[in-house]
Amino acid sequence: MTDAPPTSWISELRQRLQAPPPRRLPPADDRPAAVLVPLYVDAGELWTLLTRRSHDLPHHQGQIAFPGGGLKAGEEAWDGALREAQEEIGLDPKRVLRLGRLDEVATASSGYRITPCVGAVPYPIDTRLDPGEIDELFAVPVNALANPTVIEERPVTIDGRRHLMRVYHVGGRQVWGLTARIVQNLLARLGLETAPEIN
């Protein structure tokens, strides 16, 4: 993103999220889910919020993730993302300005199809963590995620095929898997990185 006055980053990002339209996955039996990608400006820099999931959860324990989860029957992605963000980190849905969506992504193991919803939130942010779901909430400058020195391409073998798994090393934490794919897509939309390959 270009250096722009604080009032213009919202309109610029909305345009970047709309064209080209976010990719939608073909119909499947995956369970629909949504996450909120919160963005805010502090000291002239764009930041996002990430969580560390509780070690007591049945799936993806201790992993870094955006707030979110499975959708209820008939629930739209944005409504589900805002509901989950309120439940997990206490973020008031009325304080989230809807900017757009990123590409849909699917989990290989737990059978979820996730829609990332990008929202602007005013700073400072009032949060309250649900300790049953979230162990930690932390902020990361978006530009820091685009720094090549924090990015690792780790070789992994899945179903007998060799892949490179993207890992972001930030503040002593590792962002990988589905969350890393969402981060990479966000950076591509912001013009900070090339678009991720579609597997």
N, C-alpha and C. Protein backbone atom coordinates (compact mmCIF):
# COMPACT_ATOMS: atom_id res chain seq x y z
N MET A 1 0.84 -1.19 0.00
CA MET A 1 0.00 0.00 0.00
C MET A 1 0.87 1.24 0.00
N THR A 2 0.44 2.25 -0.68
CA THR A 2 1.20 3.48 -0.72
C THR A 2 1.06 4.22 0.60
N ASP A 3 2.03 5.10 0.91
CA ASP A 3 1.91 5.94 2.10
C ASP A 3 0.76 6.90 1.85
N ALA A 4 -0.30 6.79 2.67
CA ALA A 4 -1.51 7.57 2.45
C ALA A 4 -1.97 8.17 3.76
N PRO A 5 -2.70 9.28 3.70
CA PRO A 5 -3.25 9.83 4.93
C PRO A 5 -4.13 8.80 5.62
N PRO A 6 -4.22 8.84 6.95
CA PRO A 6 -4.98 7.83 7.69
C PRO A 6 -6.41 7.66 7.21
N THR A 7 -7.05 8.74 6.72
CA THR A 7 -8.45 8.63 6.32
C THR A 7 -8.63 7.88 5.01
N SER A 8 -7.57 7.72 4.22
CA SER A 8 -7.74 7.12 2.90
C SER A 8 -7.39 5.64 2.84
N TRP A 9 -6.79 5.07 3.87
CA TRP A 9 -6.39 3.67 3.80
C TRP A 9 -7.60 2.76 3.72
N ILE A 10 -8.71 3.17 4.31
CA ILE A 10 -9.91 2.33 4.29
C ILE A 10 -10.46 2.21 2.87
N SER A 11 -10.60 3.33 2.17
CA SER A 11 -11.13 3.28 0.81
C SER A 11 -10.17 2.56 -0.13
N GLU A 12 -8.86 2.77 0.07
CA GLU A 12 -7.89 2.09 -0.79
C GLU A 12 -7.95 0.59 -0.59
N LEU A 13 -8.03 0.14 0.67
CA LEU A 13 -8.07 -1.29 0.94
C LEU A 13 -9.36 -1.91 0.43
N ARG A 14 -10.47 -1.19 0.55
CA ARG A 14 -11.74 -1.70 0.01
C ARG A 14 -11.61 -1.97 -1.49
N GLN A 15 -10.98 -1.06 -2.20
CA GLN A 15 -10.80 -1.25 -3.64
C GLN A 15 -9.91 -2.45 -3.93
N ARG A 16 -8.85 -2.61 -3.14
CA ARG A 16 -7.94 -3.73 -3.35
C ARG A 16 -8.60 -5.07 -3.05
N LEU A 17 -9.56 -5.09 -2.14
CA LEU A 17 -10.25 -6.34 -1.80
C LEU A 17 -11.33 -6.70 -2.81
N GLN A 18 -11.77 -5.71 -3.59
CA GLN A 18 -12.86 -5.96 -4.55
C GLN A 18 -12.37 -6.37 -5.93
N ALA A 19 -11.20 -5.94 -6.33
CA ALA A 19 -10.72 -6.19 -7.68
C ALA A 19 -9.30 -6.74 -7.66
N PRO A 20 -9.09 -7.97 -8.15
CA PRO A 20 -10.13 -8.87 -8.63
C PRO A 20 -10.96 -9.42 -7.48
N PRO A 21 -12.17 -9.95 -7.77
CA PRO A 21 -13.01 -10.48 -6.69
C PRO A 21 -12.29 -11.62 -5.97
N PRO A 22 -12.53 -11.78 -4.67
CA PRO A 22 -11.89 -12.88 -3.94
C PRO A 22 -12.31 -14.23 -4.50
N ARG A 23 -11.37 -15.17 -4.49
CA ARG A 23 -11.61 -16.50 -5.04
C ARG A 23 -12.55 -17.29 -4.13
N ARG A 24 -13.50 -17.98 -4.75
CA ARG A 24 -14.41 -18.86 -4.03
C ARG A 24 -14.11 -20.30 -4.41
N LEU A 25 -14.10 -21.19 -3.44
CA LEU A 25 -13.82 -22.59 -3.70
C LEU A 25 -15.04 -23.26 -4.33
N PRO A 26 -14.83 -24.32 -5.12
CA PRO A 26 -15.98 -25.03 -5.69
C PRO A 26 -16.82 -25.67 -4.58
N PRO A 27 -18.10 -25.91 -4.84
CA PRO A 27 -18.97 -26.52 -3.83
C PRO A 27 -18.39 -27.83 -3.30
N ALA A 28 -18.52 -28.02 -2.00
CA ALA A 28 -18.01 -29.24 -1.35
C ALA A 28 -18.79 -29.45 -0.07
N ASP A 29 -18.49 -30.57 0.59
CA ASP A 29 -19.18 -30.90 1.84
C ASP A 29 -18.49 -30.34 3.07
N ASP A 30 -17.45 -29.50 2.87
CA ASP A 30 -16.75 -28.91 4.00
C ASP A 30 -17.70 -28.05 4.83
N ARG A 31 -17.46 -28.01 6.14
CA ARG A 31 -18.28 -27.20 7.02
C ARG A 31 -17.89 -25.73 6.86
N PRO A 32 -18.86 -24.82 6.64
CA PRO A 32 -18.51 -23.41 6.46
C PRO A 32 -18.05 -22.76 7.77
N ALA A 33 -17.06 -21.90 7.65
CA ALA A 33 -16.53 -21.17 8.80
C ALA A 33 -16.07 -19.80 8.31
N ALA A 34 -15.79 -18.91 9.25
CA ALA A 34 -15.32 -17.57 8.91
C ALA A 34 -14.39 -17.07 9.99
N VAL A 35 -13.44 -16.23 9.60
CA VAL A 35 -12.57 -15.57 10.55
C VAL A 35 -12.60 -14.07 10.28
N LEU A 36 -12.33 -13.30 11.33
CA LEU A 36 -12.20 -11.86 11.18
C LEU A 36 -10.71 -11.50 11.13
N VAL A 37 -10.33 -10.73 10.11
CA VAL A 37 -8.97 -10.20 9.99
C VAL A 37 -9.07 -8.73 10.39
N PRO A 38 -8.84 -8.41 11.69
CA PRO A 38 -8.98 -7.02 12.13
C PRO A 38 -7.76 -6.19 11.77
N LEU A 39 -8.01 -5.00 11.26
CA LEU A 39 -6.93 -4.08 10.91
C LEU A 39 -7.18 -2.73 11.58
N TYR A 40 -6.10 -2.10 12.01
CA TYR A 40 -6.22 -0.77 12.59
C TYR A 40 -4.92 -0.01 12.35
N VAL A 41 -4.99 1.31 12.50
CA VAL A 41 -3.81 2.16 12.33
C VAL A 41 -3.41 2.73 13.67
N ASP A 42 -2.12 2.60 13.98
CA ASP A 42 -1.55 3.19 15.19
C ASP A 42 -0.20 3.79 14.79
N ALA A 43 0.02 5.06 15.14
CA ALA A 43 1.26 5.77 14.83
C ALA A 43 1.58 5.70 13.34
N GLY A 44 0.54 5.81 12.50
CA GLY A 44 0.73 5.83 11.06
C GLY A 44 1.05 4.50 10.42
N GLU A 45 0.94 3.40 11.19
CA GLU A 45 1.27 2.08 10.67
C GLU A 45 0.05 1.17 10.78
N LEU A 46 -0.11 0.27 9.79
CA LEU A 46 -1.22 -0.67 9.77
C LEU A 46 -0.86 -1.91 10.58
N TRP A 47 -1.78 -2.31 11.47
CA TRP A 47 -1.58 -3.46 12.36
C TRP A 47 -2.72 -4.45 12.19
N THR A 48 -2.47 -5.70 12.56
CA THR A 48 -3.53 -6.70 12.67
C THR A 48 -3.42 -7.40 14.02
N LEU A 49 -4.51 -8.09 14.39
CA LEU A 49 -4.56 -8.82 15.66
C LEU A 49 -4.63 -10.32 15.37
N LEU A 50 -3.86 -11.08 16.14
CA LEU A 50 -3.88 -12.54 16.05
C LEU A 50 -4.06 -13.12 17.44
N THR A 51 -4.57 -14.34 17.50
CA THR A 51 -4.76 -15.02 18.78
C THR A 51 -3.93 -16.29 18.83
N ARG A 52 -3.67 -16.73 20.05
CA ARG A 52 -3.15 -18.09 20.25
C ARG A 52 -4.28 -18.90 20.87
N ARG A 53 -4.70 -19.93 20.16
CA ARG A 53 -5.83 -20.74 20.61
C ARG A 53 -5.47 -21.51 21.88
N SER A 54 -6.48 -21.73 22.72
CA SER A 54 -6.28 -22.42 23.98
C SER A 54 -5.79 -23.85 23.75
N HIS A 55 -4.96 -24.32 24.67
CA HIS A 55 -4.49 -25.71 24.60
C HIS A 55 -5.58 -26.70 25.03
N ASP A 56 -6.71 -26.19 25.52
CA ASP A 56 -7.81 -27.06 25.95
C ASP A 56 -8.83 -27.33 24.85
N LEU A 57 -8.67 -26.70 23.69
CA LEU A 57 -9.63 -26.87 22.60
C LEU A 57 -9.43 -28.22 21.91
N PRO A 58 -10.51 -28.77 21.31
CA PRO A 58 -10.38 -30.08 20.67
C PRO A 58 -9.59 -30.07 19.37
N HIS A 59 -9.55 -28.91 18.67
CA HIS A 59 -8.84 -28.84 17.39
C HIS A 59 -7.87 -27.66 17.39
N HIS A 60 -6.72 -27.85 16.73
CA HIS A 60 -5.74 -26.78 16.50
C HIS A 60 -5.31 -26.09 17.80
N GLN A 61 -5.07 -26.89 18.82
CA GLN A 61 -4.67 -26.35 20.13
C GLN A 61 -3.36 -25.58 20.03
N GLY A 62 -3.33 -24.40 20.66
CA GLY A 62 -2.11 -23.62 20.76
C GLY A 62 -1.65 -22.96 19.47
N GLN A 63 -2.42 -23.10 18.40
CA GLN A 63 -2.00 -22.51 17.14
C GLN A 63 -2.36 -21.03 17.07
N ILE A 64 -1.61 -20.30 16.25
CA ILE A 64 -1.88 -18.89 16.01
C ILE A 64 -2.99 -18.80 14.97
N ALA A 65 -4.00 -17.96 15.23
CA ALA A 65 -5.15 -17.87 14.33
C ALA A 65 -5.79 -16.49 14.44
N PHE A 66 -6.56 -16.16 13.42
CA PHE A 66 -7.45 -15.01 13.52
C PHE A 66 -8.70 -15.45 14.28
N PRO A 67 -9.39 -14.54 14.98
CA PRO A 67 -10.61 -14.94 15.67
C PRO A 67 -11.65 -15.45 14.67
N GLY A 68 -12.30 -16.55 15.02
CA GLY A 68 -13.30 -17.10 14.11
C GLY A 68 -13.68 -18.51 14.47
N GLY A 69 -14.54 -19.09 13.64
CA GLY A 69 -14.99 -20.46 13.89
C GLY A 69 -16.10 -20.85 12.93
N GLY A 70 -16.71 -22.00 13.22
CA GLY A 70 -17.76 -22.54 12.37
C GLY A 70 -19.00 -21.67 12.36
N LEU A 71 -19.69 -21.66 11.22
CA LEU A 71 -20.92 -20.89 11.08
C LEU A 71 -22.11 -21.71 11.58
N LYS A 72 -23.08 -21.02 12.14
CA LYS A 72 -24.34 -21.66 12.49
C LYS A 72 -25.17 -21.87 11.25
N ALA A 73 -26.19 -22.72 11.33
CA ALA A 73 -27.05 -23.01 10.17
C ALA A 73 -27.66 -21.71 9.64
N GLY A 74 -27.45 -21.45 8.36
CA GLY A 74 -28.02 -20.26 7.73
C GLY A 74 -27.28 -18.97 8.01
N GLU A 75 -26.19 -19.03 8.76
CA GLU A 75 -25.46 -17.82 9.13
C GLU A 75 -24.53 -17.38 8.00
N GLU A 76 -24.52 -16.09 7.71
CA GLU A 76 -23.64 -15.52 6.69
C GLU A 76 -22.24 -15.36 7.27
N ALA A 77 -21.23 -15.38 6.37
CA ALA A 77 -19.83 -15.38 6.82
C ALA A 77 -19.51 -14.18 7.70
N TRP A 78 -19.91 -12.98 7.29
CA TRP A 78 -19.61 -11.79 8.08
C TRP A 78 -20.24 -11.88 9.47
N ASP A 79 -21.49 -12.31 9.52
CA ASP A 79 -22.17 -12.41 10.82
C ASP A 79 -21.45 -13.41 11.73
N GLY A 80 -21.02 -14.53 11.16
CA GLY A 80 -20.30 -15.53 11.94
C GLY A 80 -18.95 -15.04 12.41
N ALA A 81 -18.22 -14.34 11.53
CA ALA A 81 -16.90 -13.82 11.91
C ALA A 81 -17.02 -12.82 13.06
N LEU A 82 -18.01 -11.93 12.98
CA LEU A 82 -18.19 -10.93 14.03
C LEU A 82 -18.66 -11.58 15.34
N ARG A 83 -19.55 -12.56 15.24
CA ARG A 83 -20.02 -13.26 16.44
C ARG A 83 -18.86 -13.96 17.14
N GLU A 84 -18.04 -14.67 16.36
CA GLU A 84 -16.91 -15.39 16.95
C GLU A 84 -15.89 -14.43 17.56
N ALA A 85 -15.63 -13.30 16.88
CA ALA A 85 -14.68 -12.33 17.42
C ALA A 85 -15.19 -11.75 18.73
N GLN A 86 -16.49 -11.55 18.83
CA GLN A 86 -17.06 -11.05 20.09
C GLN A 86 -16.93 -12.11 21.19
N GLU A 87 -17.21 -13.37 20.84
CA GLU A 87 -17.13 -14.44 21.83
C GLU A 87 -15.69 -14.68 22.29
N GLU A 88 -14.75 -14.66 21.35
CA GLU A 88 -13.37 -15.04 21.67
C GLU A 88 -12.56 -13.91 22.28
N ILE A 89 -12.67 -12.69 21.73
CA ILE A 89 -11.82 -11.60 22.20
C ILE A 89 -12.61 -10.38 22.69
N GLY A 90 -13.95 -10.49 22.74
CA GLY A 90 -14.76 -9.41 23.27
C GLY A 90 -14.86 -8.19 22.38
N LEU A 91 -14.61 -8.35 21.09
CA LEU A 91 -14.67 -7.23 20.15
C LEU A 91 -16.12 -6.91 19.81
N ASP A 92 -16.53 -5.66 20.04
CA ASP A 92 -17.90 -5.23 19.77
C ASP A 92 -18.14 -5.20 18.26
N PRO A 93 -19.10 -6.00 17.74
CA PRO A 93 -19.34 -6.01 16.28
C PRO A 93 -19.68 -4.64 15.72
N LYS A 94 -20.29 -3.78 16.53
CA LYS A 94 -20.69 -2.45 16.05
C LYS A 94 -19.48 -1.56 15.81
N ARG A 95 -18.31 -1.95 16.31
CA ARG A 95 -17.11 -1.13 16.12
C ARG A 95 -16.23 -1.64 14.97
N VAL A 96 -16.75 -2.61 14.21
CA VAL A 96 -16.00 -3.17 13.08
C VAL A 96 -16.59 -2.65 11.78
N LEU A 97 -15.78 -2.01 10.98
CA LEU A 97 -16.19 -1.52 9.67
C LEU A 97 -15.83 -2.57 8.62
N ARG A 98 -16.82 -3.08 7.91
CA ARG A 98 -16.60 -4.14 6.93
C ARG A 98 -15.88 -3.58 5.70
N LEU A 99 -14.72 -4.18 5.39
CA LEU A 99 -13.93 -3.72 4.25
C LEU A 99 -14.04 -4.66 3.04
N GLY A 100 -14.12 -5.95 3.29
CA GLY A 100 -14.19 -6.92 2.20
C GLY A 100 -13.74 -8.28 2.66
N ARG A 101 -13.55 -9.17 1.70
CA ARG A 101 -13.16 -10.54 2.00
C ARG A 101 -11.89 -10.92 1.25
N LEU A 102 -11.21 -11.92 1.78
CA LEU A 102 -10.06 -12.51 1.10
C LEU A 102 -10.50 -13.82 0.45
N ASP A 103 -9.57 -14.50 -0.22
CA ASP A 103 -9.88 -15.77 -0.87
C ASP A 103 -10.33 -16.81 0.16
N GLU A 104 -11.31 -17.62 -0.22
CA GLU A 104 -11.71 -18.75 0.63
C GLU A 104 -10.56 -19.74 0.71
N VAL A 105 -10.43 -20.37 1.87
CA VAL A 105 -9.40 -21.39 2.07
C VAL A 105 -10.05 -22.59 2.77
N ALA A 106 -9.47 -23.77 2.56
CA ALA A 106 -10.01 -24.99 3.17
C ALA A 106 -8.93 -25.67 3.99
N THR A 107 -9.34 -26.26 5.10
CA THR A 107 -8.41 -27.02 5.92
C THR A 107 -8.34 -28.45 5.39
N ALA A 108 -7.16 -29.01 5.43
CA ALA A 108 -6.99 -30.38 4.93
C ALA A 108 -7.43 -31.40 5.95
N SER A 109 -7.29 -31.06 7.25
CA SER A 109 -7.51 -32.07 8.28
C SER A 109 -8.91 -32.02 8.90
N SER A 110 -9.38 -30.82 9.28
CA SER A 110 -10.63 -30.74 10.05
C SER A 110 -11.87 -30.49 9.21
N GLY A 111 -11.72 -30.36 7.87
CA GLY A 111 -12.88 -30.29 7.00
C GLY A 111 -13.64 -28.99 7.02
N TYR A 112 -12.94 -27.87 7.24
CA TYR A 112 -13.60 -26.56 7.24
C TYR A 112 -13.28 -25.81 5.95
N ARG A 113 -14.23 -24.99 5.53
CA ARG A 113 -14.08 -24.08 4.39
C ARG A 113 -14.25 -22.68 4.95
N ILE A 114 -13.19 -21.88 4.94
CA ILE A 114 -13.15 -20.63 5.71
C ILE A 114 -13.18 -19.41 4.80
N THR A 115 -14.04 -18.45 5.17
CA THR A 115 -14.08 -17.15 4.51
C THR A 115 -13.42 -16.12 5.42
N PRO A 116 -12.28 -15.54 5.03
CA PRO A 116 -11.66 -14.47 5.83
C PRO A 116 -12.34 -13.13 5.53
N CYS A 117 -12.86 -12.49 6.58
CA CYS A 117 -13.54 -11.20 6.47
C CYS A 117 -12.62 -10.12 7.05
N VAL A 118 -12.32 -9.10 6.26
CA VAL A 118 -11.38 -8.06 6.67
C VAL A 118 -12.16 -6.85 7.18
N GLY A 119 -11.87 -6.44 8.43
CA GLY A 119 -12.58 -5.32 9.01
C GLY A 119 -11.64 -4.31 9.65
N ALA A 120 -12.01 -3.03 9.57
CA ALA A 120 -11.26 -1.97 10.23
C ALA A 120 -11.85 -1.74 11.62
N VAL A 121 -10.98 -1.62 12.61
CA VAL A 121 -11.43 -1.37 13.98
C VAL A 121 -10.72 -0.11 14.50
N PRO A 122 -11.41 0.69 15.30
CA PRO A 122 -10.78 1.91 15.82
C PRO A 122 -9.78 1.59 16.92
N TYR A 123 -8.72 2.35 16.96
CA TYR A 123 -7.68 2.20 17.99
C TYR A 123 -7.81 3.33 19.01
N PRO A 124 -7.68 3.04 20.32
CA PRO A 124 -7.34 1.76 20.94
C PRO A 124 -8.52 0.79 20.93
N ILE A 125 -8.20 -0.50 20.99
CA ILE A 125 -9.21 -1.55 20.86
C ILE A 125 -9.53 -2.12 22.24
N ASP A 126 -10.82 -2.18 22.54
CA ASP A 126 -11.29 -2.74 23.81
C ASP A 126 -11.56 -4.22 23.61
N THR A 127 -10.80 -5.09 24.29
CA THR A 127 -10.96 -6.53 24.14
C THR A 127 -11.10 -7.21 25.50
N ARG A 128 -11.66 -8.40 25.47
CA ARG A 128 -11.82 -9.22 26.66
C ARG A 128 -11.76 -10.68 26.22
N LEU A 129 -10.72 -11.40 26.60
CA LEU A 129 -10.49 -12.75 26.11
C LEU A 129 -11.35 -13.78 26.83
N ASP A 130 -11.83 -14.77 26.08
CA ASP A 130 -12.48 -15.95 26.66
C ASP A 130 -11.37 -16.96 26.94
N PRO A 131 -11.02 -17.18 28.22
CA PRO A 131 -9.88 -18.06 28.52
C PRO A 131 -10.12 -19.51 28.12
N GLY A 132 -11.37 -19.90 27.90
CA GLY A 132 -11.64 -21.26 27.45
C GLY A 132 -11.28 -21.47 25.99
N GLU A 133 -11.15 -20.37 25.23
CA GLU A 133 -10.85 -20.49 23.80
C GLU A 133 -9.53 -19.85 23.41
N ILE A 134 -9.15 -18.77 24.10
CA ILE A 134 -7.99 -17.99 23.68
C ILE A 134 -7.00 -17.85 24.83
N ASP A 135 -5.74 -18.22 24.57
CA ASP A 135 -4.68 -18.05 25.57
C ASP A 135 -4.02 -16.68 25.48
N GLU A 136 -4.02 -16.09 24.26
CA GLU A 136 -3.26 -14.85 24.07
C GLU A 136 -3.81 -14.09 22.87
N LEU A 137 -3.81 -12.77 22.98
CA LEU A 137 -4.12 -11.88 21.86
C LEU A 137 -2.93 -10.95 21.68
N PHE A 138 -2.44 -10.81 20.45
CA PHE A 138 -1.28 -9.94 20.23
C PHE A 138 -1.41 -9.23 18.90
N ALA A 139 -0.74 -8.09 18.80
CA ALA A 139 -0.78 -7.25 17.60
C ALA A 139 0.52 -7.39 16.83
N VAL A 140 0.40 -7.31 15.50
CA VAL A 140 1.56 -7.42 14.62
C VAL A 140 1.47 -6.33 13.55
N PRO A 141 2.53 -5.56 13.32
CA PRO A 141 2.51 -4.63 12.18
C PRO A 141 2.46 -5.41 10.87
N VAL A 142 1.56 -5.03 9.99
CA VAL A 142 1.41 -5.75 8.72
C VAL A 142 2.71 -5.71 7.92
N ASN A 143 3.41 -4.59 7.93
CA ASN A 143 4.67 -4.50 7.19
C ASN A 143 5.71 -5.49 7.71
N ALA A 144 5.66 -5.80 9.02
CA ALA A 144 6.62 -6.75 9.58
C ALA A 144 6.41 -8.14 8.98
N LEU A 145 5.15 -8.48 8.68
CA LEU A 145 4.86 -9.79 8.09
C LEU A 145 5.38 -9.89 6.66
N ALA A 146 5.55 -8.75 6.01
CA ALA A 146 6.05 -8.74 4.63
C ALA A 146 7.57 -8.73 4.57
N ASN A 147 8.24 -8.65 5.72
CA ASN A 147 9.70 -8.63 5.75
C ASN A 147 10.24 -10.02 5.39
N PRO A 148 11.02 -10.16 4.32
CA PRO A 148 11.50 -11.49 3.91
C PRO A 148 12.29 -12.21 4.99
N THR A 149 12.88 -11.48 5.93
CA THR A 149 13.69 -12.14 6.96
C THR A 149 12.84 -12.90 7.97
N VAL A 150 11.52 -12.67 8.01
CA VAL A 150 10.67 -13.40 8.97
C VAL A 150 9.95 -14.57 8.30
N ILE A 151 10.16 -14.75 6.98
CA ILE A 151 9.42 -15.76 6.23
C ILE A 151 10.30 -16.99 5.98
N GLU A 152 9.76 -18.15 6.34
CA GLU A 152 10.44 -19.42 6.09
C GLU A 152 9.57 -20.27 5.17
N GLU A 153 10.17 -20.89 4.17
CA GLU A 153 9.48 -21.87 3.33
C GLU A 153 9.96 -23.24 3.78
N ARG A 154 9.15 -23.92 4.59
CA ARG A 154 9.56 -25.17 5.23
C ARG A 154 9.07 -26.37 4.40
N PRO A 155 9.97 -27.27 3.99
CA PRO A 155 9.52 -28.44 3.22
C PRO A 155 8.75 -29.42 4.10
N VAL A 156 7.58 -29.85 3.62
CA VAL A 156 6.78 -30.86 4.32
C VAL A 156 6.28 -31.87 3.30
N THR A 157 5.95 -33.07 3.77
CA THR A 157 5.39 -34.11 2.90
C THR A 157 3.97 -34.40 3.34
N ILE A 158 3.02 -34.20 2.43
CA ILE A 158 1.61 -34.44 2.71
C ILE A 158 1.08 -35.42 1.68
N ASP A 159 0.53 -36.55 2.17
CA ASP A 159 0.01 -37.59 1.28
C ASP A 159 1.04 -38.00 0.23
N GLY A 160 2.29 -38.11 0.68
CA GLY A 160 3.34 -38.57 -0.20
C GLY A 160 3.88 -37.53 -1.16
N ARG A 161 3.33 -36.31 -1.11
CA ARG A 161 3.80 -35.25 -2.01
C ARG A 161 4.54 -34.18 -1.21
N ARG A 162 5.62 -33.70 -1.78
CA ARG A 162 6.45 -32.70 -1.12
C ARG A 162 5.88 -31.30 -1.40
N HIS A 163 5.72 -30.49 -0.35
CA HIS A 163 5.22 -29.12 -0.47
C HIS A 163 6.14 -28.19 0.32
N LEU A 164 6.05 -26.91 0.02
CA LEU A 164 6.69 -25.89 0.84
C LEU A 164 5.62 -25.21 1.68
N MET A 165 5.79 -25.25 2.99
CA MET A 165 4.83 -24.64 3.90
C MET A 165 5.35 -23.28 4.36
N ARG A 166 4.55 -22.25 4.16
CA ARG A 166 4.92 -20.89 4.55
C ARG A 166 4.81 -20.76 6.08
N VAL A 167 5.86 -20.21 6.71
CA VAL A 167 5.87 -19.93 8.14
C VAL A 167 6.35 -18.50 8.35
N TYR A 168 5.58 -17.71 9.10
CA TYR A 168 5.99 -16.36 9.47
C TYR A 168 6.47 -16.40 10.92
N HIS A 169 7.70 -15.92 11.16
CA HIS A 169 8.26 -15.88 12.52
C HIS A 169 8.13 -14.45 13.04
N VAL A 170 7.22 -14.23 13.98
CA VAL A 170 6.98 -12.88 14.51
C VAL A 170 6.94 -12.92 16.04
N GLY A 171 7.80 -12.11 16.65
CA GLY A 171 7.79 -11.99 18.11
C GLY A 171 7.94 -13.31 18.84
N GLY A 172 8.77 -14.20 18.35
CA GLY A 172 8.97 -15.48 18.99
C GLY A 172 7.84 -16.47 18.74
N ARG A 173 6.91 -16.14 17.85
CA ARG A 173 5.79 -17.01 17.53
C ARG A 173 5.90 -17.46 16.08
N GLN A 174 5.26 -18.59 15.76
CA GLN A 174 5.25 -19.10 14.40
C GLN A 174 3.82 -19.09 13.87
N VAL A 175 3.61 -18.39 12.76
CA VAL A 175 2.32 -18.34 12.09
C VAL A 175 2.43 -19.24 10.86
N TRP A 176 1.64 -20.31 10.82
CA TRP A 176 1.76 -21.27 9.72
C TRP A 176 0.37 -21.81 9.36
N GLY A 177 0.36 -22.73 8.42
CA GLY A 177 -0.89 -23.38 8.05
C GLY A 177 -1.88 -22.42 7.41
N LEU A 178 -3.14 -22.62 7.75
CA LEU A 178 -4.21 -21.83 7.15
C LEU A 178 -4.05 -20.35 7.46
N THR A 179 -3.63 -20.00 8.66
CA THR A 179 -3.46 -18.59 9.02
C THR A 179 -2.37 -17.95 8.17
N ALA A 180 -1.29 -18.67 7.91
CA ALA A 180 -0.22 -18.14 7.05
C ALA A 180 -0.74 -17.91 5.64
N ARG A 181 -1.61 -18.79 5.15
CA ARG A 181 -2.18 -18.61 3.81
C ARG A 181 -3.06 -17.36 3.76
N ILE A 182 -3.80 -17.11 4.84
CA ILE A 182 -4.64 -15.89 4.90
C ILE A 182 -3.75 -14.65 4.95
N VAL A 183 -2.69 -14.70 5.76
CA VAL A 183 -1.75 -13.57 5.84
C VAL A 183 -1.13 -13.31 4.48
N GLN A 184 -0.71 -14.36 3.78
CA GLN A 184 -0.08 -14.19 2.48
C GLN A 184 -1.05 -13.55 1.48
N ASN A 185 -2.31 -13.97 1.52
CA ASN A 185 -3.32 -13.40 0.63
C ASN A 185 -3.58 -11.93 0.97
N LEU A 186 -3.61 -11.59 2.28
CA LEU A 186 -3.76 -10.21 2.69
C LEU A 186 -2.61 -9.36 2.18
N LEU A 187 -1.38 -9.84 2.34
CA LEU A 187 -0.20 -9.09 1.88
C LEU A 187 -0.24 -8.90 0.37
N ALA A 188 -0.70 -9.92 -0.36
CA ALA A 188 -0.80 -9.80 -1.81
C ALA A 188 -1.81 -8.72 -2.18
N ARG A 189 -2.94 -8.67 -1.47
CA ARG A 189 -3.95 -7.64 -1.74
C ARG A 189 -3.43 -6.24 -1.44
N LEU A 190 -2.55 -6.14 -0.46
CA LEU A 190 -1.98 -4.85 -0.10
C LEU A 190 -0.82 -4.47 -1.01
N GLY A 191 -0.43 -5.36 -1.92
CA GLY A 191 0.68 -5.08 -2.81
C GLY A 191 2.03 -5.26 -2.15
N LEU A 192 2.06 -6.01 -1.04
CA LEU A 192 3.31 -6.21 -0.30
C LEU A 192 3.98 -7.56 -0.61
N GLU A 193 3.28 -8.41 -1.37
CA GLU A 193 3.82 -9.73 -1.66
C GLU A 193 3.10 -10.27 -2.88
N THR A 194 3.74 -11.23 -3.57
CA THR A 194 3.08 -11.86 -4.69
C THR A 194 1.94 -12.75 -4.20
N ALA A 195 0.94 -12.96 -5.04
CA ALA A 195 -0.20 -13.77 -4.64
C ALA A 195 0.23 -15.20 -4.39
N PRO A 196 -0.38 -15.88 -3.38
CA PRO A 196 -0.02 -17.27 -3.11
C PRO A 196 -0.45 -18.18 -4.25
N GLU A 197 0.31 -19.25 -4.44
CA GLU A 197 -0.06 -20.23 -5.47
C GLU A 197 -1.28 -21.00 -5.02
N ILE A 198 -2.11 -21.39 -5.99
CA ILE A 198 -3.31 -22.18 -5.71
C ILE A 198 -2.96 -23.65 -5.90
N ASN A 199 -3.10 -24.44 -4.82
CA ASN A 199 -2.79 -25.87 -4.91
C ASN A 199 -4.05 -26.67 -5.19
